[in-house]
Amino acid sequence: MELKVENRKSLTSGDVVATRALYDRYGNMLLGYITRVVKDKKLAEEYLIEVFKEVPRQLDSLTLTNESTWLRLQLLAKQKLSNFATTLRSCSSRDFVKMDGSDTDRYLDSMNMEQRFVFCGVYYNQQPIASLAQELGKSEEDIRLILRQAFSIIRNG
């Protein structure tokens, strides 16, 4: 059985088995690592999926080198999370909500004012979701939805 991975490589049943074995061995640890970074389990699961979509293309480097497989998987996760980290650095003050196009971060530029406020409030200013909900006059679930929208912008570019 063969599957195509984004038309780059034929994915054999052996590749599927190897990817599954890596997921079974490292998936929970990698999920914990990503969760500590993004502080949201559902979002972390989405990033984990993105990492393991990349694994079949990198099986050789993950399994046939002298480097630690765990460290290689962490590096893949860091690459997937790099846009998140870059955008987070752009949240240096409350001025991030300005919509004048002067921001240097394209992800923040793509967000509406509310998404910027929530993303930077939670991740840069470390405000609790309950506090942001009260400040914006919204429910905590609304704030979580806005935060997921902001992450979607970052993840999808």
C-alpha atoms as a PDB file:
ATOM      1  CA  MET A   1       0.000   0.000   0.000  1.00  0.00           C
ATOM      2  CA  GLU A   2       1.311   3.459  -0.920  1.00  0.00           C
ATOM      3  CA  LEU A   3       0.057   6.911   0.014  1.00  0.00           C
ATOM      4  CA  LYS A   4       1.270  10.236  -1.298  1.00  0.00           C
ATOM      5  CA  VAL A   5       2.647  12.778   1.164  1.00  0.00           C
ATOM      6  CA  GLU A   6       2.067  16.138  -0.523  1.00  0.00           C
ATOM      7  CA  ASN A   7       3.350  14.682  -3.826  1.00  0.00           C
ATOM      8  CA  ARG A   8       6.920  14.640  -2.533  1.00  0.00           C
ATOM      9  CA  LYS A   9       7.402  11.065  -1.427  1.00  0.00           C
ATOM     10  CA  SER A  10       5.497   7.834  -1.678  1.00  0.00           C
ATOM     11  CA  LEU A  11       4.568   6.765   1.817  1.00  0.00           C
ATOM     12  CA  THR A  12       4.888   3.007   2.192  1.00  0.00           C
ATOM     13  CA  SER A  13       3.240   0.848   4.807  1.00  0.00           C
ATOM     14  CA  GLY A  14       6.659   0.627   6.483  1.00  0.00           C
ATOM     15  CA  ASP A  15       6.717   4.422   6.764  1.00  0.00           C
ATOM     16  CA  VAL A  16       3.268   4.366   8.338  1.00  0.00           C
ATOM     17  CA  VAL A  17       4.384   1.741  10.861  1.00  0.00           C
ATOM     18  CA  ALA A  18       7.561   3.702  11.677  1.00  0.00           C
ATOM     19  CA  THR A  19       5.620   6.963  12.087  1.00  0.00           C
ATOM     20  CA  ARG A  20       3.096   5.231  14.333  1.00  0.00           C
ATOM     21  CA  ALA A  21       5.915   3.764  16.430  1.00  0.00           C
ATOM     22  CA  LEU A  22       7.447   7.227  16.869  1.00  0.00           C
ATOM     23  CA  TYR A  23       4.053   8.630  17.815  1.00  0.00           C
ATOM     24  CA  ASP A  24       3.444   5.830  20.333  1.00  0.00           C
ATOM     25  CA  ARG A  25       6.856   6.345  21.896  1.00  0.00           C
ATOM     26  CA  TYR A  26       7.166  10.144  21.862  1.00  0.00           C
ATOM     27  CA  GLY A  27       3.670  11.562  21.260  1.00  0.00           C
ATOM     28  CA  ASN A  28       2.737  12.138  24.904  1.00  0.00           C
ATOM     29  CA  MET A  29       6.096  13.704  25.777  1.00  0.00           C
ATOM     30  CA  LEU A  30       5.922  15.977  22.744  1.00  0.00           C
ATOM     31  CA  LEU A  31       2.337  16.942  23.575  1.00  0.00           C
ATOM     32  CA  GLY A  32       3.476  17.884  27.091  1.00  0.00           C
ATOM     33  CA  TYR A  33       6.319  19.956  25.678  1.00  0.00           C
ATOM     34  CA  ILE A  34       4.048  21.814  23.238  1.00  0.00           C
ATOM     35  CA  THR A  35       1.349  22.307  25.887  1.00  0.00           C
ATOM     36  CA  ARG A  36       3.882  24.021  28.169  1.00  0.00           C
ATOM     37  CA  VAL A  37       4.678  26.438  25.336  1.00  0.00           C
ATOM     38  CA  VAL A  38       1.168  27.301  24.138  1.00  0.00           C
ATOM     39  CA  LYS A  39      -0.672  26.735  27.442  1.00  0.00           C
ATOM     40  CA  ASP A  40      -3.719  25.236  25.716  1.00  0.00           C
ATOM     41  CA  LYS A  41      -4.190  21.482  25.352  1.00  0.00           C
ATOM     42  CA  LYS A  42      -6.445  21.594  22.291  1.00  0.00           C
ATOM     43  CA  LEU A  43      -4.081  23.960  20.505  1.00  0.00           C
ATOM     44  CA  ALA A  44      -1.118  21.803  21.526  1.00  0.00           C
ATOM     45  CA  GLU A  45      -2.857  18.773  20.007  1.00  0.00           C
ATOM     46  CA  GLU A  46      -3.234  20.684  16.736  1.00  0.00           C
ATOM     47  CA  TYR A  47       0.482  21.505  16.737  1.00  0.00           C
ATOM     48  CA  LEU A  48       1.291  17.867  17.525  1.00  0.00           C
ATOM     49  CA  ILE A  49      -0.682  16.817  14.452  1.00  0.00           C
ATOM     50  CA  GLU A  50       1.304  19.305  12.361  1.00  0.00           C
ATOM     51  CA  VAL A  51       4.571  17.869  13.688  1.00  0.00           C
ATOM     52  CA  PHE A  52       3.567  14.291  12.911  1.00  0.00           C
ATOM     53  CA  LYS A  53       2.448  15.278   9.402  1.00  0.00           C
ATOM     54  CA  GLU A  54       6.093  16.189   8.840  1.00  0.00           C
ATOM     55  CA  VAL A  55       7.519  12.969  10.314  1.00  0.00           C
ATOM     56  CA  PRO A  56       7.103  10.751   7.214  1.00  0.00           C
ATOM     57  CA  ARG A  57       9.162  13.199   5.140  1.00  0.00           C
ATOM     58  CA  GLN A  58      11.923  13.114   7.748  1.00  0.00           C
ATOM     59  CA  LEU A  59      11.921   9.453   8.769  1.00  0.00           C
ATOM     60  CA  ASP A  60      15.480   8.906   7.594  1.00  0.00           C
ATOM     61  CA  SER A  61      16.879  11.752   9.661  1.00  0.00           C
ATOM     62  CA  LEU A  62      14.719  10.765  12.637  1.00  0.00           C
ATOM     63  CA  THR A  63      15.592   7.074  12.668  1.00  0.00           C
ATOM     64  CA  LEU A  64      18.876   6.579  10.830  1.00  0.00           C
ATOM     65  CA  THR A  65      21.144   9.212  12.362  1.00  0.00           C
ATOM     66  CA  ASN A  66      23.157   9.250  15.557  1.00  0.00           C
ATOM     67  CA  GLU A  67      21.135  12.217  16.823  1.00  0.00           C
ATOM     68  CA  SER A  68      18.536  11.631  19.496  1.00  0.00           C
ATOM     69  CA  THR A  69      15.089  11.016  18.015  1.00  0.00           C
ATOM     70  CA  TRP A  70      13.521  12.944  20.887  1.00  0.00           C
ATOM     71  CA  LEU A  71      15.706  15.974  20.193  1.00  0.00           C
ATOM     72  CA  ARG A  72      14.891  15.823  16.464  1.00  0.00           C
ATOM     73  CA  LEU A  73      11.153  15.725  17.255  1.00  0.00           C
ATOM     74  CA  GLN A  74      11.559  18.679  19.621  1.00  0.00           C
ATOM     75  CA  LEU A  75      13.324  20.564  16.829  1.00  0.00           C
ATOM     76  CA  LEU A  76      10.404  19.837  14.478  1.00  0.00           C
ATOM     77  CA  ALA A  77       8.006  21.137  17.126  1.00  0.00           C
ATOM     78  CA  LYS A  78      10.121  24.271  17.641  1.00  0.00           C
ATOM     79  CA  GLN A  79      10.029  24.913  13.894  1.00  0.00           C
ATOM     80  CA  LYS A  80       6.244  24.602  13.903  1.00  0.00           C
ATOM     81  CA  LEU A  81       6.043  26.914  16.925  1.00  0.00           C
ATOM     82  CA  SER A  82       8.515  29.499  15.588  1.00  0.00           C
ATOM     83  CA  ASN A  83       5.784  31.769  14.200  1.00  0.00           C
ATOM     84  CA  PHE A  84       4.145  31.714  17.620  1.00  0.00           C
ATOM     85  CA  ALA A  85       7.399  32.780  19.302  1.00  0.00           C
ATOM     86  CA  THR A  86       8.084  35.518  16.749  1.00  0.00           C
ATOM     87  CA  THR A  87       4.600  36.941  17.141  1.00  0.00           C
ATOM     88  CA  LEU A  88       4.843  36.766  20.908  1.00  0.00           C
ATOM     89  CA  ARG A  89       7.987  38.926  20.829  1.00  0.00           C
ATOM     90  CA  SER A  90       5.985  41.545  18.918  1.00  0.00           C
ATOM     91  CA  CYS A  91       3.568  41.926  21.832  1.00  0.00           C
ATOM     92  CA  SER A  92       5.971  44.150  23.740  1.00  0.00           C
ATOM     93  CA  SER A  93       3.406  46.698  24.884  1.00  0.00           C
ATOM     94  CA  ARG A  94      -0.284  47.535  24.872  1.00  0.00           C
ATOM     95  CA  ASP A  95       0.393  49.446  21.630  1.00  0.00           C
ATOM     96  CA  PHE A  96       0.134  46.127  19.755  1.00  0.00           C
ATOM     97  CA  VAL A  97      -3.578  46.815  19.215  1.00  0.00           C
ATOM     98  CA  LYS A  98      -2.923  49.739  16.895  1.00  0.00           C
ATOM     99  CA  MET A  99      -4.208  49.058  13.419  1.00  0.00           C
ATOM    100  CA  ASP A 100      -2.008  51.552  11.599  1.00  0.00           C
ATOM    101  CA  GLY A 101       0.136  48.949   9.802  1.00  0.00           C
ATOM    102  CA  SER A 102       3.248  49.963  11.741  1.00  0.00           C
ATOM    103  CA  ASP A 103       3.635  46.552  13.355  1.00  0.00           C
ATOM    104  CA  THR A 104       6.597  44.540  12.189  1.00  0.00           C
ATOM    105  CA  ASP A 105       4.896  41.177  12.701  1.00  0.00           C
ATOM    106  CA  ARG A 106       2.782  39.986   9.797  1.00  0.00           C
ATOM    107  CA  TYR A 107       0.749  37.655  11.998  1.00  0.00           C
ATOM    108  CA  LEU A 108      -0.286  40.423  14.357  1.00  0.00           C
ATOM    109  CA  ASP A 109      -1.018  42.572  11.309  1.00  0.00           C
ATOM    110  CA  SER A 110      -3.390  39.839  10.086  1.00  0.00           C
ATOM    111  CA  MET A 111      -5.330  39.770  13.364  1.00  0.00           C
ATOM    112  CA  ASN A 112      -8.161  42.090  14.207  1.00  0.00           C
ATOM    113  CA  MET A 113      -7.787  44.312  17.254  1.00  0.00           C
ATOM    114  CA  GLU A 114      -9.676  41.932  19.537  1.00  0.00           C
ATOM    115  CA  GLN A 115      -7.565  38.940  18.488  1.00  0.00           C
ATOM    116  CA  ARG A 116      -4.366  40.916  19.095  1.00  0.00           C
ATOM    117  CA  PHE A 117      -5.573  42.087  22.472  1.00  0.00           C
ATOM    118  CA  VAL A 118      -6.473  38.562  23.603  1.00  0.00           C
ATOM    119  CA  PHE A 119      -3.375  36.855  22.146  1.00  0.00           C
ATOM    120  CA  CYS A 120      -0.930  39.365  23.585  1.00  0.00           C
ATOM    121  CA  GLY A 121      -2.868  39.641  26.828  1.00  0.00           C
ATOM    122  CA  VAL A 122      -2.732  35.901  27.467  1.00  0.00           C
ATOM    123  CA  TYR A 123       0.720  35.067  26.138  1.00  0.00           C
ATOM    124  CA  TYR A 124       2.801  38.209  26.587  1.00  0.00           C
ATOM    125  CA  ASN A 125       1.153  39.886  29.559  1.00  0.00           C
ATOM    126  CA  GLN A 126       0.110  36.548  31.113  1.00  0.00           C
ATOM    127  CA  GLN A 127      -3.373  37.785  31.943  1.00  0.00           C
ATOM    128  CA  PRO A 128      -5.851  35.111  32.977  1.00  0.00           C
ATOM    129  CA  ILE A 129      -8.639  34.401  30.508  1.00  0.00           C
ATOM    130  CA  ALA A 130     -11.178  35.313  33.198  1.00  0.00           C
ATOM    131  CA  SER A 131      -9.584  38.742  33.568  1.00  0.00           C
ATOM    132  CA  LEU A 132      -9.670  39.381  29.810  1.00  0.00           C
ATOM    133  CA  ALA A 133     -13.274  38.188  29.650  1.00  0.00           C
ATOM    134  CA  GLN A 134     -14.267  40.685  32.324  1.00  0.00           C
ATOM    135  CA  GLU A 135     -12.265  43.472  30.696  1.00  0.00           C
ATOM    136  CA  LEU A 136     -13.888  42.859  27.292  1.00  0.00           C
ATOM    137  CA  GLY A 137     -17.353  42.073  28.672  1.00  0.00           C
ATOM    138  CA  LYS A 138     -17.342  38.603  27.112  1.00  0.00           C
ATOM    139  CA  SER A 139     -17.555  35.055  28.383  1.00  0.00           C
ATOM    140  CA  GLU A 140     -14.433  32.988  28.993  1.00  0.00           C
ATOM    141  CA  GLU A 141     -15.520  30.680  26.164  1.00  0.00           C
ATOM    142  CA  ASP A 142     -15.663  33.705  23.822  1.00  0.00           C
ATOM    143  CA  ILE A 143     -12.107  34.622  24.840  1.00  0.00           C
ATOM    144  CA  ARG A 144     -10.925  31.057  24.193  1.00  0.00           C
ATOM    145  CA  LEU A 145     -12.556  31.170  20.749  1.00  0.00           C
ATOM    146  CA  ILE A 146     -10.840  34.483  19.943  1.00  0.00           C
ATOM    147  CA  LEU A 147      -7.534  32.994  21.112  1.00  0.00           C
ATOM    148  CA  ARG A 148      -8.028  29.936  18.861  1.00  0.00           C
ATOM    149  CA  GLN A 149      -8.734  32.285  15.948  1.00  0.00           C
ATOM    150  CA  ALA A 150      -5.492  34.160  16.643  1.00  0.00           C
ATOM    151  CA  PHE A 151      -3.559  30.883  16.725  1.00  0.00           C
ATOM    152  CA  SER A 152      -5.182  29.822  13.485  1.00  0.00           C
ATOM    153  CA  ILE A 153      -3.844  32.986  11.868  1.00  0.00           C
ATOM    154  CA  ILE A 154      -0.359  32.264  13.191  1.00  0.00           C
ATOM    155  CA  ARG A 155      -0.432  28.581  12.257  1.00  0.00           C
ATOM    156  CA  ASN A 156      -1.821  29.090   8.753  1.00  0.00           C
ATOM    157  CA  GLY A 157       0.141  32.224   7.955  1.00  0.00           C
END
